[in-house]
Amino acid sequence: MVRLITDSAADFEPFELEQLNIACIPIKVMLGETEYEENVNLSKDQFFELLKETGASPKTSQPSPAILMEMYEDAKAAGEEALYITLAAALSGTYQSASMICEDADSELCHVLNSCNATGGQRLQLEYAARLRDEGKTAAEIMEAVKKIQSKIVLYACIDTLEYLYRGGRISQTVYKLGTMAQVKPIIRVAEDGSIEVPAKAIGMRKGMD
């Protein structure tokens, strides 16, 4: 049996994780002086409400290494394999940290796979992995199969506001003001290596979505 693990960047709701039998390590989010954990004491709706209320720029940190080590040790004690499918290595140090923890666990039953994606793209890989697990596939077989579909998953997003790009230091105040006045909507995508690209910009959300 393979125990599937992911982090909250995959955007599953808690009840969905339970249905799919996938363990999830929460990513930590700092808003002002307060630290939250996704899906533990911070829902998606609460996150956006706090953004408006506090005016703070959110900061994230990697999932707890201790939680992952405990999950690996539990699987090891049960004689089961554990496979952690992480947020893209190009976007976070989670994959590198998980790989080191796997080595520290000193077990051939521990595995880590870089999703090279995030949110819906990461989620699709977990759903596919869960189906393969239920068919009785090994961790190695699941990893090989998931890698084959990674290039077929293409994730695009149209950014409705430049506010958070500006607040996060991604763009200058001049670009923020001019872009907002012109209703510029950046279109981003996740490249094959997991990095973020801006292939186009549109004027207005409708054109951006088109």
N, C-alpha and C. Protein backbone atom coordinates (compact mmCIF):
# COMPACT_ATOMS: atom_id res chain seq x y z
N MET A 1 0.84 -1.20 0.00
CA MET A 1 0.00 0.00 0.00
C MET A 1 0.88 1.25 0.00
N VAL A 2 0.44 2.28 -0.71
CA VAL A 2 1.20 3.53 -0.79
C VAL A 2 0.42 4.64 -0.08
N ARG A 3 1.09 5.32 0.82
CA ARG A 3 0.49 6.48 1.49
C ARG A 3 0.84 7.72 0.68
N LEU A 4 -0.16 8.40 0.17
CA LEU A 4 0.07 9.63 -0.60
C LEU A 4 0.06 10.83 0.33
N ILE A 5 1.04 11.72 0.09
CA ILE A 5 1.18 12.93 0.89
C ILE A 5 1.32 14.12 -0.05
N THR A 6 0.75 15.24 0.31
CA THR A 6 0.97 16.47 -0.45
C THR A 6 0.98 17.63 0.52
N ASP A 7 1.08 18.85 -0.02
CA ASP A 7 0.99 20.05 0.81
C ASP A 7 -0.22 20.86 0.37
N SER A 8 -0.56 21.86 1.14
CA SER A 8 -1.81 22.57 0.89
C SER A 8 -1.78 23.43 -0.36
N ALA A 9 -0.63 23.53 -1.03
CA ALA A 9 -0.57 24.24 -2.31
C ALA A 9 -1.42 23.54 -3.37
N ALA A 10 -1.75 22.26 -3.15
CA ALA A 10 -2.56 21.50 -4.11
C ALA A 10 -4.03 21.92 -4.09
N ASP A 11 -4.41 22.74 -3.09
CA ASP A 11 -5.75 23.34 -3.03
C ASP A 11 -6.89 22.35 -2.89
N PHE A 12 -6.67 21.26 -2.19
CA PHE A 12 -7.77 20.37 -1.83
C PHE A 12 -8.51 20.95 -0.62
N GLU A 13 -9.79 20.71 -0.56
CA GLU A 13 -10.53 20.98 0.66
C GLU A 13 -10.34 19.78 1.60
N PRO A 14 -10.44 19.98 2.91
CA PRO A 14 -10.22 18.87 3.85
C PRO A 14 -11.08 17.65 3.57
N PHE A 15 -12.36 17.84 3.21
CA PHE A 15 -13.22 16.69 2.96
C PHE A 15 -12.79 15.92 1.71
N GLU A 16 -12.19 16.62 0.74
CA GLU A 16 -11.71 15.96 -0.47
C GLU A 16 -10.49 15.09 -0.16
N LEU A 17 -9.62 15.59 0.69
CA LEU A 17 -8.45 14.81 1.11
C LEU A 17 -8.88 13.53 1.82
N GLU A 18 -9.91 13.65 2.63
CA GLU A 18 -10.42 12.48 3.35
C GLU A 18 -11.00 11.46 2.39
N GLN A 19 -11.76 11.94 1.40
CA GLN A 19 -12.36 11.05 0.42
C GLN A 19 -11.29 10.32 -0.39
N LEU A 20 -10.21 11.02 -0.74
CA LEU A 20 -9.16 10.43 -1.57
C LEU A 20 -8.09 9.71 -0.75
N ASN A 21 -8.18 9.82 0.59
CA ASN A 21 -7.20 9.22 1.48
C ASN A 21 -5.79 9.75 1.18
N ILE A 22 -5.68 11.07 1.17
CA ILE A 22 -4.40 11.74 0.94
C ILE A 22 -4.07 12.58 2.16
N ALA A 23 -2.87 12.41 2.69
CA ALA A 23 -2.43 13.23 3.82
C ALA A 23 -1.90 14.56 3.30
N CYS A 24 -2.15 15.62 4.04
CA CYS A 24 -1.75 16.96 3.58
C CYS A 24 -1.03 17.71 4.69
N ILE A 25 0.12 18.27 4.34
CA ILE A 25 0.90 19.08 5.28
C ILE A 25 0.58 20.56 5.01
N PRO A 26 0.09 21.29 6.00
CA PRO A 26 -0.28 22.69 5.75
C PRO A 26 0.92 23.61 5.54
N ILE A 27 0.78 24.51 4.59
CA ILE A 27 1.77 25.57 4.39
C ILE A 27 1.44 26.70 5.36
N LYS A 28 2.46 27.29 5.94
CA LYS A 28 2.26 28.37 6.90
C LYS A 28 2.16 29.71 6.18
N VAL A 29 1.21 30.53 6.63
CA VAL A 29 0.97 31.85 6.03
C VAL A 29 1.06 32.90 7.13
N MET A 30 1.91 33.92 6.90
CA MET A 30 2.02 35.04 7.83
C MET A 30 1.24 36.23 7.28
N LEU A 31 0.31 36.74 8.07
CA LEU A 31 -0.42 37.96 7.74
C LEU A 31 -0.22 38.93 8.90
N GLY A 32 0.60 39.95 8.67
CA GLY A 32 0.96 40.83 9.78
C GLY A 32 1.83 40.07 10.76
N GLU A 33 1.43 40.08 12.02
CA GLU A 33 2.19 39.40 13.08
C GLU A 33 1.62 38.02 13.41
N THR A 34 0.59 37.62 12.67
CA THR A 34 -0.09 36.36 12.98
C THR A 34 0.25 35.28 11.98
N GLU A 35 0.57 34.08 12.49
CA GLU A 35 0.88 32.95 11.62
C GLU A 35 -0.31 32.00 11.57
N TYR A 36 -0.66 31.58 10.37
CA TYR A 36 -1.77 30.66 10.16
C TYR A 36 -1.26 29.40 9.43
N GLU A 37 -2.09 28.37 9.46
CA GLU A 37 -1.81 27.16 8.69
C GLU A 37 -3.01 26.89 7.79
N GLU A 38 -2.74 26.74 6.50
CA GLU A 38 -3.82 26.53 5.54
C GLU A 38 -4.63 25.28 5.89
N ASN A 39 -5.95 25.44 5.84
CA ASN A 39 -6.90 24.36 6.09
C ASN A 39 -6.89 23.86 7.54
N VAL A 40 -6.13 24.54 8.39
CA VAL A 40 -6.15 24.21 9.81
C VAL A 40 -6.89 25.31 10.56
N ASN A 41 -6.34 26.51 10.51
CA ASN A 41 -7.03 27.67 11.10
C ASN A 41 -7.17 28.81 10.09
N LEU A 42 -7.06 28.46 8.80
CA LEU A 42 -7.20 29.47 7.75
C LEU A 42 -7.80 28.83 6.50
N SER A 43 -9.05 29.18 6.22
CA SER A 43 -9.70 28.72 4.98
C SER A 43 -9.40 29.71 3.86
N LYS A 44 -9.74 29.35 2.64
CA LYS A 44 -9.52 30.26 1.51
C LYS A 44 -10.34 31.54 1.66
N ASP A 45 -11.58 31.41 2.07
CA ASP A 45 -12.44 32.59 2.26
C ASP A 45 -11.87 33.50 3.35
N GLN A 46 -11.40 32.90 4.44
CA GLN A 46 -10.82 33.69 5.53
C GLN A 46 -9.56 34.41 5.07
N PHE A 47 -8.78 33.76 4.23
CA PHE A 47 -7.54 34.35 3.72
C PHE A 47 -7.84 35.66 2.98
N PHE A 48 -8.81 35.63 2.06
CA PHE A 48 -9.13 36.83 1.29
C PHE A 48 -9.78 37.91 2.15
N GLU A 49 -10.54 37.50 3.14
CA GLU A 49 -11.13 38.47 4.07
C GLU A 49 -10.04 39.18 4.86
N LEU A 50 -9.05 38.41 5.33
CA LEU A 50 -7.96 39.00 6.10
C LEU A 50 -7.08 39.91 5.25
N LEU A 51 -6.93 39.57 3.98
CA LEU A 51 -6.17 40.44 3.08
C LEU A 51 -6.78 41.83 3.05
N LYS A 52 -8.11 41.87 2.94
CA LYS A 52 -8.82 43.16 2.88
C LYS A 52 -8.79 43.87 4.22
N GLU A 53 -9.00 43.12 5.30
CA GLU A 53 -9.10 43.72 6.62
C GLU A 53 -7.77 44.26 7.12
N THR A 54 -6.71 43.47 6.96
CA THR A 54 -5.41 43.84 7.52
C THR A 54 -4.58 44.71 6.60
N GLY A 55 -4.76 44.56 5.28
CA GLY A 55 -3.92 45.29 4.33
C GLY A 55 -2.50 44.77 4.32
N ALA A 56 -2.26 43.66 5.00
CA ALA A 56 -0.91 43.10 5.09
C ALA A 56 -0.58 42.27 3.85
N SER A 57 0.71 42.24 3.51
CA SER A 57 1.17 41.40 2.41
C SER A 57 1.49 40.01 2.97
N PRO A 58 0.84 38.97 2.47
CA PRO A 58 1.05 37.63 3.02
C PRO A 58 2.44 37.09 2.69
N LYS A 59 2.97 36.33 3.62
CA LYS A 59 4.23 35.63 3.40
C LYS A 59 4.01 34.16 3.76
N THR A 60 4.66 33.28 3.01
CA THR A 60 4.50 31.86 3.27
C THR A 60 5.83 31.24 3.67
N SER A 61 5.76 30.11 4.35
CA SER A 61 6.95 29.34 4.68
C SER A 61 6.66 27.87 4.40
N GLN A 62 7.71 27.10 4.29
CA GLN A 62 7.58 25.69 3.91
C GLN A 62 6.82 24.89 4.97
N PRO A 63 6.21 23.79 4.54
CA PRO A 63 5.55 22.90 5.50
C PRO A 63 6.52 22.38 6.55
N SER A 64 6.00 22.02 7.70
CA SER A 64 6.83 21.57 8.81
C SER A 64 7.58 20.27 8.50
N PRO A 65 8.92 20.28 8.58
CA PRO A 65 9.69 19.05 8.37
C PRO A 65 9.34 17.97 9.39
N ALA A 66 9.00 18.39 10.61
CA ALA A 66 8.69 17.42 11.66
C ALA A 66 7.45 16.61 11.32
N ILE A 67 6.45 17.29 10.73
CA ILE A 67 5.23 16.58 10.35
C ILE A 67 5.52 15.54 9.27
N LEU A 68 6.33 15.93 8.27
CA LEU A 68 6.66 14.99 7.20
C LEU A 68 7.46 13.81 7.73
N MET A 69 8.42 14.08 8.61
CA MET A 69 9.22 13.00 9.17
C MET A 69 8.33 12.02 9.94
N GLU A 70 7.37 12.56 10.67
CA GLU A 70 6.45 11.70 11.43
C GLU A 70 5.62 10.82 10.48
N MET A 71 5.18 11.41 9.36
CA MET A 71 4.42 10.64 8.38
C MET A 71 5.27 9.54 7.77
N TYR A 72 6.52 9.85 7.46
CA TYR A 72 7.44 8.85 6.91
C TYR A 72 7.67 7.72 7.92
N GLU A 73 7.88 8.09 9.18
CA GLU A 73 8.15 7.10 10.21
C GLU A 73 6.94 6.20 10.45
N ASP A 74 5.74 6.78 10.39
CA ASP A 74 4.52 5.99 10.56
C ASP A 74 4.37 4.97 9.43
N ALA A 75 4.65 5.42 8.21
CA ALA A 75 4.56 4.51 7.06
C ALA A 75 5.62 3.42 7.16
N LYS A 76 6.81 3.81 7.56
CA LYS A 76 7.91 2.86 7.72
C LYS A 76 7.56 1.79 8.75
N ALA A 77 6.99 2.22 9.88
CA ALA A 77 6.62 1.29 10.95
C ALA A 77 5.53 0.32 10.49
N ALA A 78 4.68 0.78 9.59
CA ALA A 78 3.59 -0.08 9.07
C ALA A 78 4.04 -0.91 7.88
N GLY A 79 5.29 -0.72 7.45
CA GLY A 79 5.80 -1.45 6.29
C GLY A 79 5.19 -0.99 4.98
N GLU A 80 4.72 0.27 4.95
CA GLU A 80 4.09 0.82 3.75
C GLU A 80 4.98 1.87 3.11
N GLU A 81 4.78 2.07 1.82
CA GLU A 81 5.51 3.12 1.12
C GLU A 81 4.82 4.45 1.32
N ALA A 82 5.61 5.53 1.30
CA ALA A 82 5.06 6.88 1.40
C ALA A 82 5.57 7.69 0.21
N LEU A 83 4.66 8.36 -0.48
CA LEU A 83 5.02 9.18 -1.65
C LEU A 83 4.50 10.60 -1.44
N TYR A 84 5.41 11.55 -1.38
CA TYR A 84 5.07 12.96 -1.21
C TYR A 84 5.20 13.65 -2.56
N ILE A 85 4.08 14.16 -3.10
CA ILE A 85 4.09 14.93 -4.35
C ILE A 85 4.01 16.40 -3.96
N THR A 86 5.10 17.14 -4.23
CA THR A 86 5.27 18.48 -3.70
C THR A 86 4.89 19.59 -4.69
N LEU A 87 4.75 20.78 -4.13
CA LEU A 87 4.69 22.00 -4.92
C LEU A 87 5.96 22.09 -5.76
N ALA A 88 5.86 22.74 -6.93
CA ALA A 88 7.01 22.83 -7.86
C ALA A 88 8.28 23.31 -7.15
N ALA A 89 9.37 22.64 -7.43
CA ALA A 89 10.65 23.01 -6.83
C ALA A 89 11.09 24.41 -7.25
N ALA A 90 10.64 24.86 -8.43
CA ALA A 90 11.00 26.20 -8.90
C ALA A 90 10.27 27.30 -8.13
N LEU A 91 9.23 26.93 -7.40
CA LEU A 91 8.44 27.91 -6.66
C LEU A 91 8.68 27.87 -5.16
N SER A 92 9.28 26.79 -4.68
CA SER A 92 9.44 26.61 -3.23
C SER A 92 10.59 25.65 -2.96
N GLY A 93 11.15 25.77 -1.76
CA GLY A 93 12.21 24.84 -1.36
C GLY A 93 11.66 23.56 -0.76
N THR A 94 10.33 23.37 -0.86
CA THR A 94 9.69 22.20 -0.25
C THR A 94 10.24 20.89 -0.78
N TYR A 95 10.43 20.80 -2.10
CA TYR A 95 10.91 19.55 -2.69
C TYR A 95 12.30 19.19 -2.17
N GLN A 96 13.20 20.19 -2.13
CA GLN A 96 14.56 19.93 -1.66
C GLN A 96 14.55 19.50 -0.19
N SER A 97 13.73 20.19 0.62
CA SER A 97 13.65 19.85 2.05
C SER A 97 13.09 18.45 2.24
N ALA A 98 12.05 18.13 1.48
CA ALA A 98 11.42 16.81 1.60
C ALA A 98 12.39 15.71 1.19
N SER A 99 13.20 15.98 0.17
CA SER A 99 14.18 14.99 -0.28
C SER A 99 15.22 14.73 0.80
N MET A 100 15.65 15.78 1.49
CA MET A 100 16.62 15.62 2.58
C MET A 100 16.01 14.85 3.74
N ILE A 101 14.74 15.14 4.04
CA ILE A 101 14.05 14.43 5.13
C ILE A 101 13.91 12.96 4.79
N CYS A 102 13.64 12.69 3.51
CA CYS A 102 13.51 11.30 3.06
C CYS A 102 14.83 10.55 3.26
N GLU A 103 15.94 11.23 2.97
CA GLU A 103 17.26 10.62 3.18
C GLU A 103 17.51 10.38 4.67
N ASP A 104 17.10 11.35 5.49
CA ASP A 104 17.29 11.21 6.94
C ASP A 104 16.46 10.05 7.50
N ALA A 105 15.32 9.81 6.87
CA ALA A 105 14.47 8.70 7.32
C ALA A 105 15.12 7.35 7.05
N ASP A 106 16.09 7.36 6.13
CA ASP A 106 16.88 6.17 5.83
C ASP A 106 15.98 4.96 5.54
N SER A 107 15.09 5.15 4.60
CA SER A 107 14.17 4.07 4.26
C SER A 107 13.90 4.06 2.76
N GLU A 108 13.94 2.89 2.19
CA GLU A 108 13.61 2.74 0.77
C GLU A 108 12.11 2.90 0.52
N LEU A 109 11.34 3.00 1.60
CA LEU A 109 9.90 3.13 1.48
C LEU A 109 9.47 4.59 1.29
N CYS A 110 10.39 5.55 1.44
CA CYS A 110 10.07 6.96 1.34
C CYS A 110 10.42 7.50 -0.05
N HIS A 111 9.51 8.24 -0.63
CA HIS A 111 9.71 8.77 -1.98
C HIS A 111 9.20 10.20 -2.06
N VAL A 112 9.83 11.01 -2.93
CA VAL A 112 9.42 12.40 -3.14
C VAL A 112 9.37 12.67 -4.64
N LEU A 113 8.31 13.34 -5.09
CA LEU A 113 8.16 13.67 -6.51
C LEU A 113 7.85 15.15 -6.64
N ASN A 114 8.64 15.84 -7.48
CA ASN A 114 8.41 17.24 -7.80
C ASN A 114 7.27 17.33 -8.81
N SER A 115 6.18 17.99 -8.43
CA SER A 115 5.02 18.08 -9.33
C SER A 115 5.29 19.00 -10.51
N CYS A 116 6.32 19.87 -10.39
CA CYS A 116 6.59 20.88 -11.42
C CYS A 116 5.33 21.70 -11.71
N ASN A 117 4.50 21.89 -10.69
CA ASN A 117 3.25 22.60 -10.88
C ASN A 117 2.75 23.11 -9.52
N ALA A 118 1.55 23.65 -9.52
CA ALA A 118 0.93 24.14 -8.30
C ALA A 118 -0.57 24.12 -8.46
N THR A 119 -1.26 24.38 -7.40
CA THR A 119 -2.72 24.46 -7.33
C THR A 119 -3.39 23.36 -8.19
N GLY A 120 -4.20 23.72 -9.18
CA GLY A 120 -4.93 22.71 -9.95
C GLY A 120 -4.04 21.71 -10.65
N GLY A 121 -2.86 22.14 -11.11
CA GLY A 121 -1.94 21.23 -11.79
C GLY A 121 -1.35 20.19 -10.85
N GLN A 122 -1.06 20.60 -9.64
CA GLN A 122 -0.57 19.67 -8.61
C GLN A 122 -1.69 18.73 -8.19
N ARG A 123 -2.86 19.29 -8.05
CA ARG A 123 -4.03 18.51 -7.63
C ARG A 123 -4.35 17.39 -8.62
N LEU A 124 -4.31 17.67 -9.92
CA LEU A 124 -4.60 16.65 -10.93
C LEU A 124 -3.66 15.46 -10.81
N GLN A 125 -2.39 15.74 -10.50
CA GLN A 125 -1.42 14.67 -10.35
C GLN A 125 -1.73 13.80 -9.13
N LEU A 126 -2.19 14.43 -8.05
CA LEU A 126 -2.55 13.67 -6.85
C LEU A 126 -3.77 12.80 -7.10
N GLU A 127 -4.75 13.34 -7.82
CA GLU A 127 -5.96 12.56 -8.12
C GLU A 127 -5.61 11.34 -8.97
N TYR A 128 -4.71 11.54 -9.92
CA TYR A 128 -4.26 10.43 -10.77
C TYR A 128 -3.47 9.41 -9.95
N ALA A 129 -2.61 9.91 -9.07
CA ALA A 129 -1.83 9.02 -8.21
C ALA A 129 -2.72 8.21 -7.29
N ALA A 130 -3.79 8.82 -6.79
CA ALA A 130 -4.72 8.11 -5.90
C ALA A 130 -5.42 6.98 -6.65
N ARG A 131 -5.75 7.22 -7.90
CA ARG A 131 -6.40 6.18 -8.71
C ARG A 131 -5.43 5.01 -8.93
N LEU A 132 -4.17 5.32 -9.20
CA LEU A 132 -3.17 4.27 -9.41
C LEU A 132 -2.91 3.51 -8.12
N ARG A 133 -2.87 4.23 -7.01
CA ARG A 133 -2.68 3.57 -5.71
C ARG A 133 -3.80 2.58 -5.44
N ASP A 134 -5.04 2.99 -5.73
CA ASP A 134 -6.19 2.11 -5.49
C ASP A 134 -6.19 0.90 -6.42
N GLU A 135 -5.45 1.01 -7.53
CA GLU A 135 -5.31 -0.13 -8.44
C GLU A 135 -4.20 -1.08 -7.99
N GLY A 136 -3.50 -0.69 -6.91
CA GLY A 136 -2.46 -1.55 -6.36
C GLY A 136 -1.06 -1.29 -6.88
N LYS A 137 -0.84 -0.14 -7.53
CA LYS A 137 0.48 0.19 -8.05
C LYS A 137 1.44 0.52 -6.91
N THR A 138 2.72 0.28 -7.16
CA THR A 138 3.75 0.64 -6.20
C THR A 138 4.08 2.13 -6.33
N ALA A 139 4.85 2.65 -5.37
CA ALA A 139 5.25 4.05 -5.42
C ALA A 139 6.07 4.35 -6.67
N ALA A 140 6.97 3.44 -7.02
CA ALA A 140 7.81 3.63 -8.21
C ALA A 140 6.94 3.67 -9.47
N GLU A 141 5.96 2.80 -9.54
CA GLU A 141 5.06 2.76 -10.70
C GLU A 141 4.21 4.03 -10.78
N ILE A 142 3.77 4.51 -9.61
CA ILE A 142 2.97 5.73 -9.58
C ILE A 142 3.81 6.93 -10.02
N MET A 143 5.03 7.02 -9.52
CA MET A 143 5.91 8.12 -9.88
C MET A 143 6.18 8.15 -11.38
N GLU A 144 6.46 6.99 -11.95
CA GLU A 144 6.74 6.91 -13.38
C GLU A 144 5.53 7.34 -14.20
N ALA A 145 4.34 6.91 -13.79
CA ALA A 145 3.12 7.24 -14.52
C ALA A 145 2.79 8.72 -14.40
N VAL A 146 2.97 9.28 -13.20
CA VAL A 146 2.66 10.70 -12.99
C VAL A 146 3.62 11.59 -13.78
N LYS A 147 4.89 11.20 -13.83
CA LYS A 147 5.86 11.97 -14.60
C LYS A 147 5.47 12.06 -16.07
N LYS A 148 4.87 11.00 -16.59
CA LYS A 148 4.49 10.96 -18.00
C LYS A 148 3.35 11.93 -18.33
N ILE A 149 2.51 12.23 -17.34
CA ILE A 149 1.39 13.14 -17.62
C ILE A 149 1.72 14.60 -17.26
N GLN A 150 2.84 14.83 -16.59
CA GLN A 150 3.14 16.19 -16.13
C GLN A 150 3.19 17.19 -17.28
N SER A 151 3.79 16.81 -18.41
CA SER A 151 3.90 17.74 -19.54
C SER A 151 2.56 18.00 -20.22
N LYS A 152 1.56 17.17 -19.91
CA LYS A 152 0.24 17.34 -20.52
C LYS A 152 -0.65 18.28 -19.70
N ILE A 153 -0.20 18.63 -18.51
CA ILE A 153 -0.99 19.51 -17.65
C ILE A 153 -0.48 20.94 -17.83
N VAL A 154 -1.32 21.80 -18.37
CA VAL A 154 -0.93 23.19 -18.64
C VAL A 154 -1.83 24.11 -17.83
N LEU A 155 -1.23 24.90 -16.96
CA LEU A 155 -1.99 25.75 -16.05
C LEU A 155 -1.81 27.23 -16.40
N TYR A 156 -2.92 27.90 -16.71
CA TYR A 156 -2.93 29.33 -17.01
C TYR A 156 -3.78 30.05 -15.96
N ALA A 157 -3.49 31.32 -15.75
CA ALA A 157 -4.32 32.16 -14.88
C ALA A 157 -4.29 33.60 -15.39
N CYS A 158 -5.42 34.25 -15.29
CA CYS A 158 -5.52 35.67 -15.64
C CYS A 158 -5.64 36.46 -14.34
N ILE A 159 -4.71 37.38 -14.10
CA ILE A 159 -4.65 38.12 -12.85
C ILE A 159 -5.57 39.34 -12.92
N ASP A 160 -6.57 39.37 -12.05
CA ASP A 160 -7.59 40.42 -12.11
C ASP A 160 -7.11 41.76 -11.57
N THR A 161 -6.17 41.72 -10.62
CA THR A 161 -5.68 42.97 -10.03
C THR A 161 -4.15 42.94 -9.91
N LEU A 162 -3.55 44.11 -10.08
CA LEU A 162 -2.09 44.22 -9.93
C LEU A 162 -1.69 44.55 -8.49
N GLU A 163 -2.68 44.73 -7.63
CA GLU A 163 -2.41 45.20 -6.27
C GLU A 163 -1.43 44.32 -5.52
N TYR A 164 -1.65 43.00 -5.58
CA TYR A 164 -0.81 42.11 -4.78
C TYR A 164 0.56 41.87 -5.41
N LEU A 165 0.65 42.03 -6.73
CA LEU A 165 1.97 41.99 -7.37
C LEU A 165 2.80 43.19 -6.91
N TYR A 166 2.13 44.34 -6.78
CA TYR A 166 2.81 45.55 -6.31
C TYR A 166 3.18 45.42 -4.83
N ARG A 167 2.23 45.01 -4.01
CA ARG A 167 2.49 44.89 -2.58
C ARG A 167 3.56 43.86 -2.28
N GLY A 168 3.65 42.84 -3.14
CA GLY A 168 4.67 41.81 -2.95
C GLY A 168 6.02 42.15 -3.55
N GLY A 169 6.13 43.36 -4.14
CA GLY A 169 7.40 43.81 -4.71
C GLY A 169 7.70 43.26 -6.09
N ARG A 170 6.70 42.66 -6.75
CA ARG A 170 6.92 42.07 -8.07
C ARG A 170 6.96 43.12 -9.17
N ILE A 171 6.22 44.23 -8.98
CA ILE A 171 6.20 45.31 -9.96
C ILE A 171 6.37 46.64 -9.23
N SER A 172 6.79 47.68 -9.99
CA SER A 172 7.01 49.00 -9.39
C SER A 172 5.69 49.75 -9.22
N GLN A 173 5.75 50.81 -8.44
CA GLN A 173 4.56 51.63 -8.23
C GLN A 173 4.07 52.26 -9.53
N THR A 174 5.03 52.66 -10.40
CA THR A 174 4.66 53.25 -11.69
C THR A 174 3.91 52.25 -12.55
N VAL A 175 4.44 51.03 -12.65
CA VAL A 175 3.79 49.99 -13.44
C VAL A 175 2.42 49.66 -12.85
N TYR A 176 2.35 49.64 -11.52
CA TYR A 176 1.09 49.34 -10.85
C TYR A 176 0.02 50.39 -11.18
N LYS A 177 0.39 51.67 -11.08
CA LYS A 177 -0.59 52.73 -11.32
C LYS A 177 -1.01 52.78 -12.79
N LEU A 178 -0.03 52.73 -13.70
CA LEU A 178 -0.36 52.79 -15.12
C LEU A 178 -1.16 51.56 -15.56
N GLY A 179 -0.74 50.40 -15.07
CA GLY A 179 -1.43 49.16 -15.44
C GLY A 179 -2.85 49.12 -14.93
N THR A 180 -3.06 49.66 -13.71
CA THR A 180 -4.40 49.69 -13.13
C THR A 180 -5.30 50.63 -13.92
N MET A 181 -4.77 51.79 -14.29
CA MET A 181 -5.54 52.75 -15.08
C MET A 181 -5.94 52.18 -16.42
N ALA A 182 -5.03 51.41 -17.02
CA ALA A 182 -5.28 50.83 -18.36
C ALA A 182 -6.00 49.49 -18.29
N GLN A 183 -6.29 49.03 -17.07
CA GLN A 183 -6.96 47.75 -16.84
C GLN A 183 -6.18 46.58 -17.46
N VAL A 184 -4.87 46.62 -17.29
CA VAL A 184 -4.01 45.55 -17.80
C VAL A 184 -4.18 44.31 -16.91
N LYS A 185 -4.40 43.18 -17.56
CA LYS A 185 -4.55 41.91 -16.84
C LYS A 185 -3.46 40.94 -17.32
N PRO A 186 -2.42 40.71 -16.49
CA PRO A 186 -1.37 39.77 -16.89
C PRO A 186 -1.90 38.34 -16.98
N ILE A 187 -1.45 37.62 -17.96
CA ILE A 187 -1.78 36.20 -18.08
C ILE A 187 -0.51 35.42 -17.74
N ILE A 188 -0.60 34.57 -16.75
CA ILE A 188 0.57 33.80 -16.33
C ILE A 188 0.33 32.32 -16.59
N ARG A 189 1.41 31.57 -16.67
CA ARG A 189 1.30 30.13 -16.81
C ARG A 189 2.46 29.48 -16.07
N VAL A 190 2.28 28.21 -15.74
CA VAL A 190 3.35 27.43 -15.12
C VAL A 190 4.10 26.71 -16.22
N ALA A 191 5.39 27.01 -16.36
CA ALA A 191 6.22 26.38 -17.39
C ALA A 191 6.50 24.93 -17.01
N GLU A 192 7.10 24.18 -17.94
CA GLU A 192 7.35 22.75 -17.69
C GLU A 192 8.27 22.50 -16.51
N ASP A 193 9.15 23.47 -16.21
CA ASP A 193 10.06 23.28 -15.07
C ASP A 193 9.44 23.78 -13.76
N GLY A 194 8.19 24.27 -13.84
CA GLY A 194 7.51 24.73 -12.64
C GLY A 194 7.64 26.21 -12.36
N SER A 195 8.41 26.92 -13.17
CA SER A 195 8.55 28.36 -12.97
C SER A 195 7.35 29.09 -13.56
N ILE A 196 7.20 30.37 -13.20
CA ILE A 196 6.08 31.17 -13.67
C ILE A 196 6.51 32.04 -14.85
N GLU A 197 5.74 32.01 -15.92
CA GLU A 197 5.99 32.83 -17.10
C GLU A 197 4.80 33.77 -17.32
N VAL A 198 5.06 34.87 -18.02
CA VAL A 198 3.99 35.81 -18.41
C VAL A 198 3.95 35.85 -19.93
N PRO A 199 3.20 34.94 -20.55
CA PRO A 199 3.19 34.85 -22.01
C PRO A 199 2.40 35.97 -22.69
N ALA A 200 1.52 36.66 -21.93
CA ALA A 200 0.71 37.70 -22.57
C ALA A 200 0.11 38.63 -21.54
N LYS A 201 -0.36 39.77 -22.03
CA LYS A 201 -1.11 40.71 -21.21
C LYS A 201 -2.34 41.12 -22.00
N ALA A 202 -3.44 41.38 -21.30
CA ALA A 202 -4.69 41.74 -21.98
C ALA A 202 -5.25 43.01 -21.34
N ILE A 203 -6.06 43.73 -22.10
CA ILE A 203 -6.76 44.88 -21.57
C ILE A 203 -8.18 44.44 -21.22
N GLY A 204 -8.46 44.38 -19.94
CA GLY A 204 -9.77 43.94 -19.47
C GLY A 204 -9.81 42.46 -19.20
N MET A 205 -10.62 42.08 -18.22
CA MET A 205 -10.70 40.69 -17.78
C MET A 205 -11.32 39.80 -18.85
N ARG A 206 -12.31 40.31 -19.59
CA ARG A 206 -12.96 39.48 -20.60
C ARG A 206 -11.97 39.05 -21.68
N LYS A 207 -11.16 40.00 -22.16
CA LYS A 207 -10.16 39.65 -23.16
C LYS A 207 -9.09 38.73 -22.58
N GLY A 208 -8.78 38.98 -21.32
CA GLY A 208 -7.81 38.11 -20.66
C GLY A 208 -8.29 36.68 -20.58
N MET A 209 -9.55 36.49 -20.22
CA MET A 209 -10.11 35.14 -20.14
C MET A 209 -10.21 34.50 -21.52
N ASP A 210 -10.54 35.29 -22.54
CA ASP A 210 -10.56 34.76 -23.91
C ASP A 210 -9.19 34.24 -24.31
